[in-house]
Amino acid sequence: MRVDVQGERVALPLGVDVAAYRIVQEALTNARKHAHASHVDLGVCYRRDQVSLEVIDDGRGQLSAHPAGHGLVGMRERVALYGGHLEVGPGPNGGFRVAATLPNTGEGP
C-alpha cells in the first residue's frame, strides 16, 4: 500500500474527521475483501476548507452495477451529511476508485 498525504493537516470537525476515517476504512475493506486487490494507493489532501480522499486499488473492480453491500451506500450517506462529493467507479488502470471530498466548515451537521 502506498500512502500520499499532501498539504498541511488542518483540524477537522469531529464528525467530518470520523466520516473521512470511515470512508477510507470501507474503501480499504472493499479492496481486500471484495476486489482481492494486491495493491492500494491512498491519497489524502488537506486544504484549509476541505479534505480530499482517494483510494485506488488494482483488484477486480465493481462486479455488478448494483452492489449488494451497504458500504458504498454508507459512504454516500456520510458524504451527503456534510455536503461533500463522492465518486466511485473504475480506476484509471482497472480496479476500483473511491474519491471523496468533505468540506471543513468548522461546523458539524
N, C-alpha and C. Protein backbone atom coordinates (compact mmCIF):
# COMPACT_ATOMS: atom_id res chain seq x y z
N MET A 1 0.85 -1.17 0.00
CA MET A 1 0.00 0.00 0.00
C MET A 1 0.89 1.23 0.00
N ARG A 2 0.51 2.19 -0.81
CA ARG A 2 1.22 3.46 -0.87
C ARG A 2 0.29 4.52 -0.30
N VAL A 3 0.83 5.37 0.58
CA VAL A 3 0.06 6.46 1.18
C VAL A 3 0.73 7.77 0.80
N ASP A 4 -0.07 8.70 0.28
CA ASP A 4 0.44 10.02 -0.11
C ASP A 4 -0.42 11.07 0.59
N VAL A 5 0.20 11.84 1.48
CA VAL A 5 -0.51 12.91 2.19
C VAL A 5 0.04 14.23 1.69
N GLN A 6 -0.87 15.08 1.24
CA GLN A 6 -0.47 16.40 0.73
C GLN A 6 -1.12 17.49 1.57
N GLY A 7 -0.46 18.63 1.63
CA GLY A 7 -0.99 19.76 2.37
C GLY A 7 -0.68 19.64 3.84
N GLU A 8 -0.92 20.73 4.52
CA GLU A 8 -0.72 20.76 5.96
C GLU A 8 -1.99 20.30 6.65
N ARG A 9 -1.85 19.32 7.53
CA ARG A 9 -3.02 18.79 8.23
C ARG A 9 -3.72 19.91 8.99
N VAL A 10 -5.01 20.02 8.76
CA VAL A 10 -5.82 21.02 9.45
C VAL A 10 -6.80 20.30 10.36
N ALA A 11 -7.20 20.96 11.42
CA ALA A 11 -8.19 20.39 12.33
C ALA A 11 -9.53 20.33 11.61
N LEU A 12 -10.15 19.17 11.68
CA LEU A 12 -11.47 18.96 11.08
C LEU A 12 -12.49 18.84 12.19
N PRO A 13 -13.73 19.25 11.93
CA PRO A 13 -14.79 18.97 12.91
C PRO A 13 -14.85 17.46 13.16
N LEU A 14 -15.17 17.07 14.37
CA LEU A 14 -15.16 15.67 14.76
C LEU A 14 -15.94 14.79 13.78
N GLY A 15 -17.13 15.22 13.40
CA GLY A 15 -17.95 14.41 12.50
C GLY A 15 -17.32 14.21 11.14
N VAL A 16 -16.71 15.26 10.60
CA VAL A 16 -16.04 15.17 9.31
C VAL A 16 -14.83 14.24 9.42
N ASP A 17 -14.08 14.37 10.51
CA ASP A 17 -12.92 13.53 10.74
C ASP A 17 -13.32 12.06 10.80
N VAL A 18 -14.38 11.75 11.53
CA VAL A 18 -14.86 10.37 11.63
C VAL A 18 -15.39 9.88 10.28
N ALA A 19 -16.11 10.73 9.56
CA ALA A 19 -16.62 10.35 8.24
C ALA A 19 -15.46 10.02 7.30
N ALA A 20 -14.42 10.83 7.30
CA ALA A 20 -13.25 10.58 6.45
C ALA A 20 -12.62 9.23 6.81
N TYR A 21 -12.44 9.00 8.10
CA TYR A 21 -11.86 7.74 8.57
C TYR A 21 -12.69 6.55 8.09
N ARG A 22 -13.99 6.64 8.26
CA ARG A 22 -14.87 5.51 7.90
C ARG A 22 -14.91 5.28 6.39
N ILE A 23 -14.83 6.35 5.59
CA ILE A 23 -14.81 6.20 4.13
C ILE A 23 -13.54 5.45 3.71
N VAL A 24 -12.40 5.86 4.25
CA VAL A 24 -11.15 5.18 3.94
C VAL A 24 -11.20 3.73 4.43
N GLN A 25 -11.69 3.53 5.63
CA GLN A 25 -11.79 2.18 6.18
C GLN A 25 -12.64 1.28 5.28
N GLU A 26 -13.77 1.78 4.84
CA GLU A 26 -14.66 0.99 3.98
C GLU A 26 -14.03 0.72 2.62
N ALA A 27 -13.38 1.71 2.05
CA ALA A 27 -12.75 1.52 0.75
C ALA A 27 -11.62 0.49 0.83
N LEU A 28 -10.83 0.53 1.90
CA LEU A 28 -9.76 -0.45 2.07
C LEU A 28 -10.32 -1.85 2.32
N THR A 29 -11.40 -1.92 3.09
CA THR A 29 -12.05 -3.21 3.33
C THR A 29 -12.57 -3.80 2.03
N ASN A 30 -13.20 -2.97 1.21
CA ASN A 30 -13.72 -3.44 -0.07
C ASN A 30 -12.60 -3.93 -0.99
N ALA A 31 -11.48 -3.20 -0.99
CA ALA A 31 -10.35 -3.59 -1.83
C ALA A 31 -9.83 -4.97 -1.44
N ARG A 32 -9.78 -5.22 -0.16
CA ARG A 32 -9.25 -6.50 0.33
C ARG A 32 -10.28 -7.62 0.21
N LYS A 33 -11.48 -7.35 0.69
CA LYS A 33 -12.48 -8.39 0.85
C LYS A 33 -13.20 -8.74 -0.46
N HIS A 34 -13.50 -7.74 -1.28
CA HIS A 34 -14.30 -7.98 -2.48
C HIS A 34 -13.49 -7.95 -3.77
N ALA A 35 -12.55 -7.03 -3.86
CA ALA A 35 -11.79 -6.87 -5.10
C ALA A 35 -10.56 -7.76 -5.12
N HIS A 36 -10.16 -8.27 -3.95
CA HIS A 36 -8.95 -9.09 -3.83
C HIS A 36 -7.75 -8.36 -4.44
N ALA A 37 -7.64 -7.09 -4.12
CA ALA A 37 -6.56 -6.25 -4.65
C ALA A 37 -5.22 -6.66 -4.06
N SER A 38 -4.18 -6.53 -4.86
CA SER A 38 -2.83 -6.79 -4.36
C SER A 38 -2.11 -5.48 -4.03
N HIS A 39 -2.65 -4.36 -4.49
CA HIS A 39 -2.04 -3.06 -4.21
C HIS A 39 -3.13 -1.99 -4.10
N VAL A 40 -2.92 -1.07 -3.17
CA VAL A 40 -3.86 0.04 -2.97
C VAL A 40 -3.06 1.33 -2.80
N ASP A 41 -3.50 2.37 -3.47
CA ASP A 41 -2.95 3.72 -3.27
C ASP A 41 -3.98 4.53 -2.49
N LEU A 42 -3.52 5.16 -1.41
CA LEU A 42 -4.37 6.04 -0.61
C LEU A 42 -3.80 7.44 -0.67
N GLY A 43 -4.62 8.37 -1.08
CA GLY A 43 -4.22 9.77 -1.11
C GLY A 43 -5.11 10.59 -0.20
N VAL A 44 -4.49 11.47 0.56
CA VAL A 44 -5.21 12.40 1.42
C VAL A 44 -4.65 13.78 1.12
N CYS A 45 -5.52 14.72 0.82
CA CYS A 45 -5.09 16.07 0.52
C CYS A 45 -5.84 17.05 1.42
N TYR A 46 -5.08 17.73 2.27
CA TYR A 46 -5.65 18.71 3.18
C TYR A 46 -5.57 20.09 2.54
N ARG A 47 -6.67 20.79 2.59
CA ARG A 47 -6.72 22.21 2.24
C ARG A 47 -7.40 22.91 3.40
N ARG A 48 -7.27 24.20 3.44
CA ARG A 48 -7.86 24.96 4.55
C ARG A 48 -9.35 24.69 4.69
N ASP A 49 -10.06 24.56 3.58
CA ASP A 49 -11.52 24.45 3.62
C ASP A 49 -12.07 23.08 3.27
N GLN A 50 -11.18 22.08 3.05
CA GLN A 50 -11.68 20.75 2.71
C GLN A 50 -10.58 19.70 2.86
N VAL A 51 -11.01 18.46 2.90
CA VAL A 51 -10.10 17.32 2.85
C VAL A 51 -10.59 16.42 1.73
N SER A 52 -9.65 15.97 0.90
CA SER A 52 -9.99 15.07 -0.20
C SER A 52 -9.31 13.73 0.03
N LEU A 53 -10.03 12.67 -0.27
CA LEU A 53 -9.55 11.31 -0.08
C LEU A 53 -9.65 10.58 -1.40
N GLU A 54 -8.68 9.73 -1.69
CA GLU A 54 -8.76 8.90 -2.89
C GLU A 54 -8.14 7.55 -2.58
N VAL A 55 -8.90 6.50 -2.85
CA VAL A 55 -8.43 5.14 -2.68
C VAL A 55 -8.59 4.44 -4.02
N ILE A 56 -7.46 3.97 -4.56
CA ILE A 56 -7.47 3.27 -5.85
C ILE A 56 -6.82 1.91 -5.64
N ASP A 57 -7.52 0.85 -6.06
CA ASP A 57 -6.96 -0.49 -5.93
C ASP A 57 -6.75 -1.11 -7.31
N ASP A 58 -6.03 -2.22 -7.34
CA ASP A 58 -5.78 -2.93 -8.59
C ASP A 58 -6.57 -4.24 -8.66
N GLY A 59 -7.67 -4.29 -7.94
CA GLY A 59 -8.47 -5.50 -7.87
C GLY A 59 -9.37 -5.71 -9.06
N ARG A 60 -10.40 -6.50 -8.84
CA ARG A 60 -11.32 -6.90 -9.91
C ARG A 60 -12.30 -5.81 -10.31
N GLY A 61 -12.35 -4.72 -9.59
CA GLY A 61 -13.32 -3.68 -9.92
C GLY A 61 -14.70 -4.05 -9.41
N GLN A 62 -15.66 -3.27 -9.80
CA GLN A 62 -17.04 -3.49 -9.38
C GLN A 62 -17.62 -4.62 -10.22
N LEU A 63 -18.09 -5.67 -9.56
CA LEU A 63 -18.57 -6.85 -10.27
C LEU A 63 -19.99 -6.72 -10.77
N SER A 64 -20.76 -5.80 -10.21
CA SER A 64 -22.13 -5.63 -10.69
C SER A 64 -22.50 -4.16 -10.65
N ALA A 65 -23.47 -3.79 -11.43
CA ALA A 65 -23.92 -2.40 -11.47
C ALA A 65 -24.65 -2.01 -10.19
N HIS A 66 -25.15 -3.00 -9.46
CA HIS A 66 -25.88 -2.75 -8.22
C HIS A 66 -25.29 -3.61 -7.11
N PRO A 67 -24.22 -3.12 -6.49
CA PRO A 67 -23.59 -3.94 -5.44
C PRO A 67 -24.56 -4.24 -4.31
N ALA A 68 -24.46 -5.45 -3.77
CA ALA A 68 -25.39 -5.90 -2.75
C ALA A 68 -25.08 -5.34 -1.36
N GLY A 69 -23.83 -4.93 -1.13
CA GLY A 69 -23.44 -4.48 0.20
C GLY A 69 -23.92 -3.07 0.51
N HIS A 70 -23.65 -2.66 1.73
CA HIS A 70 -24.07 -1.34 2.19
C HIS A 70 -22.91 -0.35 2.26
N GLY A 71 -21.70 -0.80 1.93
CA GLY A 71 -20.53 0.04 2.06
C GLY A 71 -20.58 1.31 1.23
N LEU A 72 -20.91 1.18 -0.05
CA LEU A 72 -20.97 2.35 -0.91
C LEU A 72 -22.13 3.26 -0.52
N VAL A 73 -23.23 2.66 -0.10
CA VAL A 73 -24.38 3.44 0.36
C VAL A 73 -23.98 4.25 1.59
N GLY A 74 -23.28 3.61 2.52
CA GLY A 74 -22.82 4.30 3.72
C GLY A 74 -21.88 5.44 3.39
N MET A 75 -20.98 5.23 2.42
CA MET A 75 -20.08 6.32 2.00
C MET A 75 -20.88 7.49 1.46
N ARG A 76 -21.84 7.19 0.60
CA ARG A 76 -22.67 8.26 0.02
C ARG A 76 -23.41 9.04 1.12
N GLU A 77 -23.94 8.32 2.09
CA GLU A 77 -24.68 8.97 3.17
C GLU A 77 -23.77 9.86 4.01
N ARG A 78 -22.58 9.38 4.31
CA ARG A 78 -21.63 10.18 5.11
C ARG A 78 -21.23 11.45 4.37
N VAL A 79 -20.94 11.31 3.09
CA VAL A 79 -20.54 12.47 2.30
C VAL A 79 -21.70 13.46 2.18
N ALA A 80 -22.90 12.96 1.93
CA ALA A 80 -24.07 13.83 1.79
C ALA A 80 -24.37 14.57 3.10
N LEU A 81 -24.17 13.91 4.22
CA LEU A 81 -24.42 14.52 5.52
C LEU A 81 -23.64 15.82 5.70
N TYR A 82 -22.44 15.86 5.14
CA TYR A 82 -21.58 17.04 5.30
C TYR A 82 -21.51 17.90 4.05
N GLY A 83 -22.34 17.60 3.04
CA GLY A 83 -22.36 18.43 1.84
C GLY A 83 -21.13 18.25 0.98
N GLY A 84 -20.56 17.04 1.01
CA GLY A 84 -19.36 16.76 0.23
C GLY A 84 -19.68 16.17 -1.12
N HIS A 85 -18.68 15.56 -1.71
CA HIS A 85 -18.80 14.99 -3.06
C HIS A 85 -18.14 13.62 -3.06
N LEU A 86 -18.77 12.63 -3.71
CA LEU A 86 -18.24 11.27 -3.78
C LEU A 86 -18.28 10.79 -5.22
N GLU A 87 -17.18 10.17 -5.64
CA GLU A 87 -17.12 9.49 -6.94
C GLU A 87 -16.63 8.07 -6.68
N VAL A 88 -17.33 7.11 -7.24
CA VAL A 88 -16.90 5.71 -7.16
C VAL A 88 -17.03 5.10 -8.55
N GLY A 89 -16.11 4.23 -8.88
CA GLY A 89 -16.17 3.58 -10.18
C GLY A 89 -14.84 2.99 -10.56
N PRO A 90 -14.70 2.65 -11.83
CA PRO A 90 -13.46 2.03 -12.28
C PRO A 90 -12.26 2.94 -12.05
N GLY A 91 -11.14 2.32 -11.69
CA GLY A 91 -9.90 3.07 -11.54
C GLY A 91 -9.31 3.42 -12.90
N PRO A 92 -8.34 4.30 -12.94
CA PRO A 92 -7.77 4.73 -14.22
C PRO A 92 -7.05 3.61 -14.98
N ASN A 93 -6.59 2.59 -14.26
CA ASN A 93 -5.88 1.46 -14.89
C ASN A 93 -6.54 0.14 -14.50
N GLY A 94 -7.85 0.15 -14.36
CA GLY A 94 -8.56 -1.03 -13.89
C GLY A 94 -8.77 -0.91 -12.39
N GLY A 95 -9.26 -1.95 -11.79
CA GLY A 95 -9.52 -1.89 -10.36
C GLY A 95 -10.68 -0.97 -10.05
N PHE A 96 -10.64 -0.37 -8.87
CA PHE A 96 -11.75 0.46 -8.41
C PHE A 96 -11.21 1.71 -7.74
N ARG A 97 -11.96 2.80 -7.84
CA ARG A 97 -11.55 4.08 -7.29
C ARG A 97 -12.67 4.66 -6.45
N VAL A 98 -12.32 5.14 -5.26
CA VAL A 98 -13.23 5.89 -4.40
C VAL A 98 -12.57 7.24 -4.16
N ALA A 99 -13.29 8.31 -4.47
CA ALA A 99 -12.77 9.66 -4.24
C ALA A 99 -13.84 10.46 -3.53
N ALA A 100 -13.47 11.04 -2.40
CA ALA A 100 -14.42 11.82 -1.61
C ALA A 100 -13.80 13.16 -1.23
N THR A 101 -14.62 14.17 -1.23
CA THR A 101 -14.22 15.49 -0.76
C THR A 101 -15.21 15.91 0.31
N LEU A 102 -14.67 16.27 1.46
CA LEU A 102 -15.50 16.72 2.59
C LEU A 102 -15.09 18.14 2.94
N PRO A 103 -16.08 19.02 3.10
CA PRO A 103 -15.74 20.41 3.45
C PRO A 103 -15.33 20.53 4.92
N ASN A 104 -14.46 21.47 5.16
CA ASN A 104 -14.07 21.81 6.52
C ASN A 104 -14.68 23.16 6.83
N THR A 105 -15.91 23.13 7.28
CA THR A 105 -16.64 24.36 7.57
C THR A 105 -16.43 24.81 9.01
N GLY A 106 -15.81 23.94 9.79
CA GLY A 106 -15.66 24.25 11.20
C GLY A 106 -16.92 23.95 11.99
N GLU A 107 -17.95 23.39 11.31
CA GLU A 107 -19.23 23.08 11.97
C GLU A 107 -19.61 21.65 11.69
N GLY A 108 -20.37 21.05 12.56
CA GLY A 108 -20.95 19.74 12.33
C GLY A 108 -22.34 19.88 11.77
N PRO A 109 -23.00 18.76 11.47
CA PRO A 109 -24.37 18.83 10.92
C PRO A 109 -25.36 19.27 11.97
